[in-house]
C-alpha atoms as a PDB file:
ATOM      1  CA  MET A   1     -14.276 -33.285  16.469  1.00  0.00           C
ATOM      2  CA  LYS A   2     -12.273 -30.677  18.419  1.00  0.00           C
ATOM      3  CA  TRP A   3     -10.246 -29.865  15.288  1.00  0.00           C
ATOM      4  CA  ILE A   4     -13.372 -29.198  13.271  1.00  0.00           C
ATOM      5  CA  LEU A   5     -14.737 -26.939  15.992  1.00  0.00           C
ATOM      6  CA  VAL A   6     -11.425 -25.012  16.244  1.00  0.00           C
ATOM      7  CA  VAL A   7     -11.201 -24.624  12.446  1.00  0.00           C
ATOM      8  CA  LEU A   8     -14.823 -23.433  12.236  1.00  0.00           C
ATOM      9  CA  LEU A   9     -14.240 -20.967  15.057  1.00  0.00           C
ATOM     10  CA  ALA A  10     -11.071 -19.639  13.341  1.00  0.00           C
ATOM     11  CA  LEU A  11     -12.887 -19.287  10.011  1.00  0.00           C
ATOM     12  CA  ALA A  12     -15.790 -17.459  11.665  1.00  0.00           C
ATOM     13  CA  THR A  13     -13.366 -15.075  13.388  1.00  0.00           C
ATOM     14  CA  CYS A  14     -11.616 -14.342  10.089  1.00  0.00           C
ATOM     15  CA  PHE A  15     -14.932 -13.877   8.294  1.00  0.00           C
ATOM     16  CA  PHE A  16     -16.297 -11.386  10.818  1.00  0.00           C
ATOM     17  CA  SER A  17     -13.070  -9.394  11.114  1.00  0.00           C
ATOM     18  CA  ALA A  18     -12.550  -9.144   7.320  1.00  0.00           C
ATOM     19  CA  GLY A  19     -15.014  -6.247   7.183  1.00  0.00           C
ATOM     20  CA  SER A  20     -12.956  -4.197   9.613  1.00  0.00           C
ATOM     21  CA  TRP A  21      -9.758  -4.926   7.648  1.00  0.00           C
ATOM     22  CA  ALA A  22     -11.410  -3.664   4.468  1.00  0.00           C
ATOM     23  CA  ALA A  23     -12.678  -0.560   6.254  1.00  0.00           C
ATOM     24  CA  ASP A  24      -9.188   0.123   7.661  1.00  0.00           C
ATOM     25  CA  ALA A  25      -7.640  -0.296   4.207  1.00  0.00           C
ATOM     26  CA  GLN A  26     -10.209   2.017   2.644  1.00  0.00           C
ATOM     27  CA  SER A  27      -9.716   4.715   5.290  1.00  0.00           C
ATOM     28  CA  ARG A  28      -5.936   4.413   4.803  1.00  0.00           C
ATOM     29  CA  GLN A  29      -6.384   4.904   1.042  1.00  0.00           C
ATOM     30  CA  LEU A  30      -8.568   7.983   1.638  1.00  0.00           C
ATOM     31  CA  GLN A  31      -5.948   9.402   4.005  1.00  0.00           C
ATOM     32  CA  ILE A  32      -3.155   8.841   1.466  1.00  0.00           C
ATOM     33  CA  THR A  33      -5.097  10.341  -1.450  1.00  0.00           C
ATOM     34  CA  GLY A  34      -5.981  13.388   0.682  1.00  0.00           C
ATOM     35  CA  GLU A  35      -2.335  13.890   1.669  1.00  0.00           C
ATOM     36  CA  ALA A  36      -1.266  13.561  -1.976  1.00  0.00           C
ATOM     37  CA  ARG A  37      -3.779  16.196  -3.066  1.00  0.00           C
ATOM     38  CA  ARG A  38      -2.565  18.607  -0.363  1.00  0.00           C
ATOM     39  CA  GLY A  39       1.028  17.919  -1.401  1.00  0.00           C
ATOM     40  CA  PHE A  40       0.192  18.717  -5.021  1.00  0.00           C
ATOM     41  CA  GLU A  41      -1.491  21.984  -4.011  1.00  0.00           C
ATOM     42  CA  GLU A  42       1.599  22.904  -1.968  1.00  0.00           C
ATOM     43  CA  ILE A  43       3.742  22.307  -5.073  1.00  0.00           C
ATOM     44  CA  LEU A  44       1.512  24.645  -7.102  1.00  0.00           C
ATOM     45  CA  ASP A  45       1.682  27.269  -4.326  1.00  0.00           C
ATOM     46  CA  LEU A  46       5.491  27.123  -4.230  1.00  0.00           C
ATOM     47  CA  TRP A  47       5.571  27.597  -7.991  1.00  0.00           C
ATOM     48  CA  ARG A  48       3.160  30.544  -7.849  1.00  0.00           C
ATOM     49  CA  GLN A  49       5.160  32.185  -5.033  1.00  0.00           C
ATOM     50  CA  GLU A  50       8.319  31.685  -7.112  1.00  0.00           C
ATOM     51  CA  SER A  51       9.981  29.737  -4.288  1.00  0.00           C
ATOM     52  CA  PHE A  52      11.912  27.768  -6.876  1.00  0.00           C
ATOM     53  CA  ASP A  53      14.537  26.366  -4.487  1.00  0.00           C
ATOM     54  CA  ASP A  54      11.842  24.932  -2.201  1.00  0.00           C
ATOM     55  CA  LEU A  55       9.885  23.789  -5.241  1.00  0.00           C
ATOM     56  CA  TYR A  56      12.879  21.846  -6.575  1.00  0.00           C
ATOM     57  CA  ASP A  57      12.995  19.937  -3.279  1.00  0.00           C
ATOM     58  CA  ARG A  58       9.399  18.784  -3.922  1.00  0.00           C
ATOM     59  CA  LEU A  59      10.202  17.319  -7.356  1.00  0.00           C
ATOM     60  CA  VAL A  60      11.616  14.064  -8.628  1.00  0.00           C
ATOM     61  CA  PRO A  61      14.537  15.449 -10.651  1.00  0.00           C
ATOM     62  CA  ASP A  62      15.096  14.363 -14.243  1.00  0.00           C
ATOM     63  CA  ALA A  63      18.337  12.543 -15.020  1.00  0.00           C
ATOM     64  CA  GLY A  64      21.134  15.066 -15.463  1.00  0.00           C
ATOM     65  CA  SER A  65      19.068  17.915 -14.039  1.00  0.00           C
ATOM     66  CA  ASP A  66      20.325  20.348 -11.462  1.00  0.00           C
ATOM     67  CA  ARG A  67      18.692  22.974  -9.278  1.00  0.00           C
ATOM     68  CA  TRP A  68      20.140  26.008 -11.099  1.00  0.00           C
ATOM     69  CA  ASP A  69      19.122  24.780 -14.537  1.00  0.00           C
ATOM     70  CA  PHE A  70      15.596  24.213 -13.218  1.00  0.00           C
ATOM     71  CA  VAL A  71      15.397  27.702 -11.662  1.00  0.00           C
ATOM     72  CA  ASP A  72      16.700  29.240 -14.895  1.00  0.00           C
ATOM     73  CA  LYS A  73      14.022  27.445 -16.927  1.00  0.00           C
ATOM     74  CA  LEU A  74      11.241  28.686 -14.660  1.00  0.00           C
ATOM     75  CA  ASN A  75      12.613  32.227 -14.829  1.00  0.00           C
ATOM     76  CA  HIS A  76      12.236  31.963 -18.616  1.00  0.00           C
ATOM     77  CA  SER A  77       8.599  30.877 -18.361  1.00  0.00           C
ATOM     78  CA  ALA A  78       5.635  33.173 -18.897  1.00  0.00           C
ATOM     79  CA  ARG A  79       3.369  30.702 -17.077  1.00  0.00           C
ATOM     80  CA  ARG A  80       2.488  30.048 -13.460  1.00  0.00           C
ATOM     81  CA  PRO A  81      -0.460  28.562 -11.570  1.00  0.00           C
ATOM     82  CA  ALA A  82      -3.515  30.752 -11.183  1.00  0.00           C
ATOM     83  CA  CYS A  83      -4.591  31.972  -7.789  1.00  0.00           C
ATOM     84  CA  CYS A  84      -7.370  30.885  -5.511  1.00  0.00           C
ATOM     85  CA  TRP A  85     -10.344  29.024  -6.935  1.00  0.00           C
ATOM     86  CA  LYS A  86      -8.895  28.995 -10.478  1.00  0.00           C
ATOM     87  CA  LYS A  87      -5.779  27.110  -9.344  1.00  0.00           C
ATOM     88  CA  ILE A  88      -7.191  23.577  -9.246  1.00  0.00           C
ATOM     89  CA  ALA A  89     -10.584  21.986  -9.882  1.00  0.00           C
ATOM     90  CA  GLU A  90     -12.201  18.678 -10.807  1.00  0.00           C
ATOM     91  CA  VAL A  91      -9.607  16.672  -8.891  1.00  0.00           C
ATOM     92  CA  THR A  92      -9.614  12.891  -8.801  1.00  0.00           C
ATOM     93  CA  VAL A  93      -6.918  10.914  -7.044  1.00  0.00           C
ATOM     94  CA  VAL A  94      -6.430   7.211  -7.733  1.00  0.00           C
ATOM     95  CA  TYR A  95      -4.610   5.204  -5.075  1.00  0.00           C
ATOM     96  CA  LEU A  96      -1.882   2.965  -6.536  1.00  0.00           C
ATOM     97  CA  ASP A  97      -0.040   2.047  -3.338  1.00  0.00           C
ATOM     98  CA  ASP A  98       1.126   3.723  -0.132  1.00  0.00           C
ATOM     99  CA  SER A  99       3.812   5.660  -2.004  1.00  0.00           C
ATOM    100  CA  ALA A 100       2.180   6.438  -5.369  1.00  0.00           C
ATOM    101  CA  VAL A 101      -1.045   7.978  -6.656  1.00  0.00           C
ATOM    102  CA  LEU A 102      -2.397   9.246  -9.959  1.00  0.00           C
ATOM    103  CA  LEU A 103      -3.893  12.716  -9.681  1.00  0.00           C
ATOM    104  CA  THR A 104      -6.042  14.152 -12.483  1.00  0.00           C
ATOM    105  CA  ALA A 105      -7.010  17.801 -12.246  1.00  0.00           C
ATOM    106  CA  ARG A 106      -8.093  20.831 -14.215  1.00  0.00           C
ATOM    107  CA  LEU A 107      -5.449  23.480 -13.585  1.00  0.00           C
ATOM    108  CA  GLY A 108      -5.636  27.210 -14.119  1.00  0.00           C
ATOM    109  CA  ILE A 109      -2.380  28.484 -15.626  1.00  0.00           C
ATOM    110  CA  GLU A 110      -1.787  32.235 -15.898  1.00  0.00           C
ATOM    111  CA  VAL A 111      -0.037  33.160 -19.126  1.00  0.00           C
ATOM    112  CA  VAL A 112       1.551  36.620 -19.254  1.00  0.00           C
ATOM    113  CA  GLY A 113      -0.340  38.744 -21.781  1.00  0.00           C
ATOM    114  CA  PHE A 114      -3.126  36.194 -22.332  1.00  0.00           C
ATOM    115  CA  GLY A 115      -4.806  35.648 -18.963  1.00  0.00           C
ATOM    116  CA  THR A 116      -5.734  32.305 -17.454  1.00  0.00           C
ATOM    117  CA  ARG A 117      -5.820  29.135 -19.534  1.00  0.00           C
ATOM    118  CA  PHE A 118      -7.162  25.836 -18.225  1.00  0.00           C
ATOM    119  CA  VAL A 119      -5.599  22.430 -18.824  1.00  0.00           C
ATOM    120  CA  THR A 120      -6.588  18.992 -17.603  1.00  0.00           C
ATOM    121  CA  ARG A 121      -3.680  16.686 -16.890  1.00  0.00           C
ATOM    122  CA  THR A 122      -2.836  13.490 -15.043  1.00  0.00           C
ATOM    123  CA  PHE A 123       0.219  13.371 -12.787  1.00  0.00           C
ATOM    124  CA  ARG A 124       1.902  10.475 -11.011  1.00  0.00           C
ATOM    125  CA  LEU A 125       2.904  11.639  -7.536  1.00  0.00           C
ATOM    126  CA  VAL A 126       5.304   9.632  -5.398  1.00  0.00           C
ATOM    127  CA  ASN A 127       5.850   9.778  -1.667  1.00  0.00           C
ATOM    128  CA  GLU A 128       9.516   9.847  -0.681  1.00  0.00           C
ATOM    129  CA  SER A 129      10.345  10.173   3.010  1.00  0.00           C
ATOM    130  CA  GLY A 130       6.853  11.440   3.818  1.00  0.00           C
ATOM    131  CA  VAL A 131       6.896  14.157   1.121  1.00  0.00           C
ATOM    132  CA  TRP A 132       4.717  13.991  -1.999  1.00  0.00           C
ATOM    133  CA  ARG A 133       6.789  14.736  -5.088  1.00  0.00           C
ATOM    134  CA  LEU A 134       5.999  15.488  -8.727  1.00  0.00           C
ATOM    135  CA  PRO A 135       8.299  14.576 -11.646  1.00  0.00           C
ATOM    136  CA  GLU A 136      10.284  17.621 -12.783  1.00  0.00           C
ATOM    137  CA  SER A 137       9.343  16.951 -16.422  1.00  0.00           C
ATOM    138  CA  ASP A 138       5.624  17.242 -15.583  1.00  0.00           C
ATOM    139  CA  LEU A 139       6.083  20.664 -14.025  1.00  0.00           C
ATOM    140  CA  LEU A 140       8.299  21.912 -16.853  1.00  0.00           C
ATOM    141  CA  SER A 141       5.753  20.739 -19.433  1.00  0.00           C
ATOM    142  CA  LEU A 142       3.184  22.967 -17.711  1.00  0.00           C
ATOM    143  CA  ALA A 143       5.592  25.907 -17.417  1.00  0.00           C
ATOM    144  CA  GLU A 144       6.704  25.709 -21.073  1.00  0.00           C
ATOM    145  CA  PRO A 145       9.958  27.626 -20.560  1.00  0.00           C
ATOM    146  CA  ASN A 146      11.131  29.692 -23.518  1.00  0.00           C
ATOM    147  CA  MET A 147      14.866  30.238 -23.238  1.00  0.00           C
ATOM    148  CA  GLN A 148      14.630  33.123 -25.760  1.00  0.00           C
ATOM    149  CA  ARG A 149      12.293  35.038 -23.461  1.00  0.00           C
ATOM    150  CA  ILE A 150      13.759  37.729 -21.216  1.00  0.00           C
ATOM    151  CA  PRO A 151      13.961  36.215 -17.709  1.00  0.00           C
ATOM    152  CA  ARG A 152      11.354  37.338 -15.216  1.00  0.00           C
ATOM    153  CA  GLU A 153      14.003  38.579 -12.786  1.00  0.00           C
ATOM    154  CA  ILE A 154      15.141  41.144 -15.402  1.00  0.00           C
ATOM    155  CA  LEU A 155      11.623  42.097 -16.517  1.00  0.00           C
ATOM    156  CA  GLU A 156      10.449  42.768 -12.969  1.00  0.00           C
ATOM    157  CA  ARG A 157      13.540  44.704 -11.884  1.00  0.00           C
ATOM    158  CA  PRO A 158      12.665  48.167 -10.469  1.00  0.00           C
ATOM    159  CA  HIS A 159      13.708  50.986 -12.806  1.00  0.00           C
END
Protein backbone atom coordinates (compact mmCIF):
# COMPACT_ATOMS: atom_id res chain seq x y z
CA MET A 1 0.00 0.00 0.00
CA LYS A 2 2.87 2.40 0.80
CA TRP A 3 4.42 1.71 -2.62
CA ILE A 4 1.22 2.62 -4.40
CA LEU A 5 0.93 5.83 -2.41
CA VAL A 6 4.58 6.77 -3.13
CA VAL A 7 4.19 6.01 -6.86
CA LEU A 8 0.96 8.04 -7.05
CA LEU A 9 2.60 10.93 -5.24
CA ALA A 10 5.62 10.81 -7.61
CA LEU A 11 3.36 10.70 -10.67
CA ALA A 12 1.30 13.64 -9.38
CA THR A 13 4.48 15.65 -8.77
CA CYS A 14 5.72 14.93 -12.29
CA PHE A 15 2.32 15.76 -13.79
CA PHE A 16 2.05 19.13 -12.05
CA SER A 17 5.65 20.16 -12.74
CA ALA A 18 5.51 19.19 -16.45
CA GLY A 19 3.79 22.50 -17.24
CA SER A 20 6.67 24.50 -15.82
CA TRP A 21 9.20 22.40 -17.77
CA ALA A 22 7.33 23.13 -21.00
CA ALA A 23 7.16 26.83 -20.16
CA ASP A 24 10.91 26.90 -19.42
CA ALA A 25 11.66 25.12 -22.70
CA GLN A 26 9.45 27.52 -24.64
CA SER A 27 11.02 30.61 -23.05
CA ARG A 28 14.48 29.16 -23.81
CA GLN A 29 13.48 28.68 -27.46
CA LEU A 30 12.20 32.28 -27.65
CA GLN A 31 15.46 33.53 -26.14
CA ILE A 32 17.54 31.54 -28.65
CA THR A 33 15.50 32.64 -31.67
CA GLY A 34 15.74 36.28 -30.53
CA GLU A 35 19.52 36.02 -30.14
CA ALA A 36 19.80 34.41 -33.59
CA ARG A 37 17.80 37.22 -35.19
CA ARG A 38 20.01 39.86 -33.53
CA GLY A 39 23.10 37.95 -34.66
CA PHE A 40 21.82 37.91 -38.24
CA GLU A 41 21.14 41.66 -38.15
CA GLU A 42 24.68 42.23 -36.84
CA ILE A 43 26.03 40.22 -39.80
CA LEU A 44 24.06 42.42 -42.22
CA ASP A 45 25.33 45.56 -40.45
CA LEU A 46 28.96 44.41 -40.71
CA TRP A 47 28.45 43.78 -44.42
CA ARG A 48 26.85 47.19 -44.96
CA GLN A 49 29.65 48.94 -43.04
CA GLU A 50 32.18 47.03 -45.17
CA SER A 51 33.84 45.57 -42.06
CA PHE A 52 34.76 42.51 -44.08
CA ASP A 53 37.38 41.17 -41.66
CA ASP A 54 34.90 41.22 -38.77
CA LEU A 55 32.21 39.86 -41.07
CA TYR A 56 34.38 36.88 -42.02
CA ASP A 57 34.66 36.01 -38.32
CA ARG A 58 30.84 35.75 -38.19
CA LEU A 59 30.64 33.23 -41.04
CA VAL A 60 31.02 29.49 -41.36
CA PRO A 61 33.76 29.40 -44.01
CA ASP A 62 33.39 27.24 -47.11
CA ALA A 63 35.93 24.46 -47.61
CA GLY A 64 39.10 25.90 -49.11
CA SER A 65 38.03 29.48 -48.46
CA ASP A 66 40.26 32.10 -46.93
CA ARG A 67 39.70 35.57 -45.53
CA TRP A 68 41.45 37.46 -48.36
CA ASP A 69 39.57 35.65 -51.11
CA PHE A 70 36.31 36.46 -49.32
CA VAL A 71 37.20 40.16 -48.94
CA ASP A 72 38.21 40.31 -52.61
CA LYS A 73 34.87 38.83 -53.67
CA LEU A 74 32.91 41.37 -51.64
CA ASN A 75 35.00 44.20 -53.06
CA HIS A 76 33.88 43.01 -56.51
CA SER A 77 30.20 43.07 -55.55
CA ALA A 78 27.80 45.85 -56.47
CA ARG A 79 25.40 44.70 -53.74
CA ARG A 80 25.07 45.35 -50.03
CA PRO A 81 22.25 45.32 -47.47
CA ALA A 82 19.91 48.28 -47.48
CA CYS A 83 19.78 50.64 -44.55
CA CYS A 84 17.29 51.04 -41.77
CA TRP A 85 13.76 49.74 -42.21
CA LYS A 86 14.49 48.33 -45.69
CA LYS A 87 17.24 46.06 -44.35
CA ILE A 88 15.10 43.22 -43.00
CA ALA A 89 11.38 42.51 -42.74
CA GLU A 90 8.90 39.65 -42.39
CA VAL A 91 11.27 37.63 -40.22
CA THR A 92 10.42 34.17 -38.94
CA VAL A 93 12.86 32.11 -36.94
CA VAL A 94 12.36 28.37 -36.46
CA TYR A 95 14.12 26.77 -33.51
CA LEU A 96 15.95 23.55 -34.46
CA ASP A 97 18.09 23.10 -31.35
CA ASP A 98 20.17 25.21 -28.98
CA SER A 99 22.84 25.74 -31.64
CA ALA A 100 20.84 25.96 -34.89
CA VAL A 101 17.88 27.90 -36.25
CA LEU A 102 16.27 28.52 -39.63
CA LEU A 103 15.69 32.20 -40.31
CA THR A 104 13.45 33.33 -43.18
CA ALA A 105 13.40 37.02 -44.01
CA ARG A 106 12.70 39.56 -46.72
CA LEU A 107 15.95 41.44 -47.24
CA GLY A 108 16.53 44.78 -48.90
CA ILE A 109 19.66 44.64 -51.07
CA GLU A 110 21.04 47.86 -52.57
CA VAL A 111 22.33 47.33 -56.09
CA VAL A 112 24.62 50.04 -57.47
CA GLY A 113 22.84 51.81 -60.33
CA PHE A 114 19.49 50.07 -59.75
CA GLY A 115 18.37 50.97 -56.23
CA THR A 116 16.99 48.57 -53.65
CA ARG A 117 15.81 45.09 -54.60
CA PHE A 118 14.01 42.79 -52.18
CA VAL A 119 14.61 39.06 -51.83
CA THR A 120 13.10 36.51 -49.48
CA ARG A 121 15.48 33.79 -48.38
CA THR A 122 15.89 31.13 -45.72
CA PHE A 123 19.20 30.81 -43.87
CA ARG A 124 20.47 28.18 -41.46
CA LEU A 125 22.33 29.95 -38.65
CA VAL A 126 24.56 28.04 -36.25
CA ASN A 127 25.79 29.06 -32.84
CA GLU A 128 29.49 28.40 -32.31
CA SER A 129 31.04 29.50 -29.02
CA GLY A 130 28.14 31.85 -28.30
CA VAL A 131 28.31 33.59 -31.71
CA TRP A 132 25.61 33.16 -34.37
CA ARG A 133 27.20 32.42 -37.73
CA LEU A 134 25.95 32.31 -41.32
CA PRO A 135 27.41 30.03 -44.02
CA GLU A 136 29.80 31.97 -46.27
CA SER A 137 28.08 30.59 -49.39
CA ASP A 138 24.74 32.11 -48.30
CA LEU A 139 26.25 35.57 -47.96
CA LEU A 140 28.14 35.33 -51.25
CA SER A 141 24.97 34.22 -53.05
CA LEU A 142 23.33 37.46 -51.86
CA ALA A 143 26.36 39.59 -52.77
CA GLU A 144 26.71 38.08 -56.27
CA PRO A 145 30.36 39.10 -56.73
CA ASN A 146 31.41 39.85 -60.30
CA MET A 147 35.16 39.41 -60.60
CA GLN A 148 35.13 41.43 -63.86
CA ARG A 149 33.76 44.47 -62.06
CA ILE A 150 36.19 47.17 -60.95
CA PRO A 151 36.67 46.70 -57.18
CA ARG A 152 34.89 49.14 -54.92
CA GLU A 153 38.15 50.24 -53.29
CA ILE A 154 39.35 51.56 -56.69
CA LEU A 155 36.00 53.09 -57.68
CA GLU A 156 35.68 55.02 -54.42
CA ARG A 157 39.28 56.25 -54.34
CA PRO A 158 39.50 60.08 -54.01
CA HIS A 159 40.71 61.73 -57.21
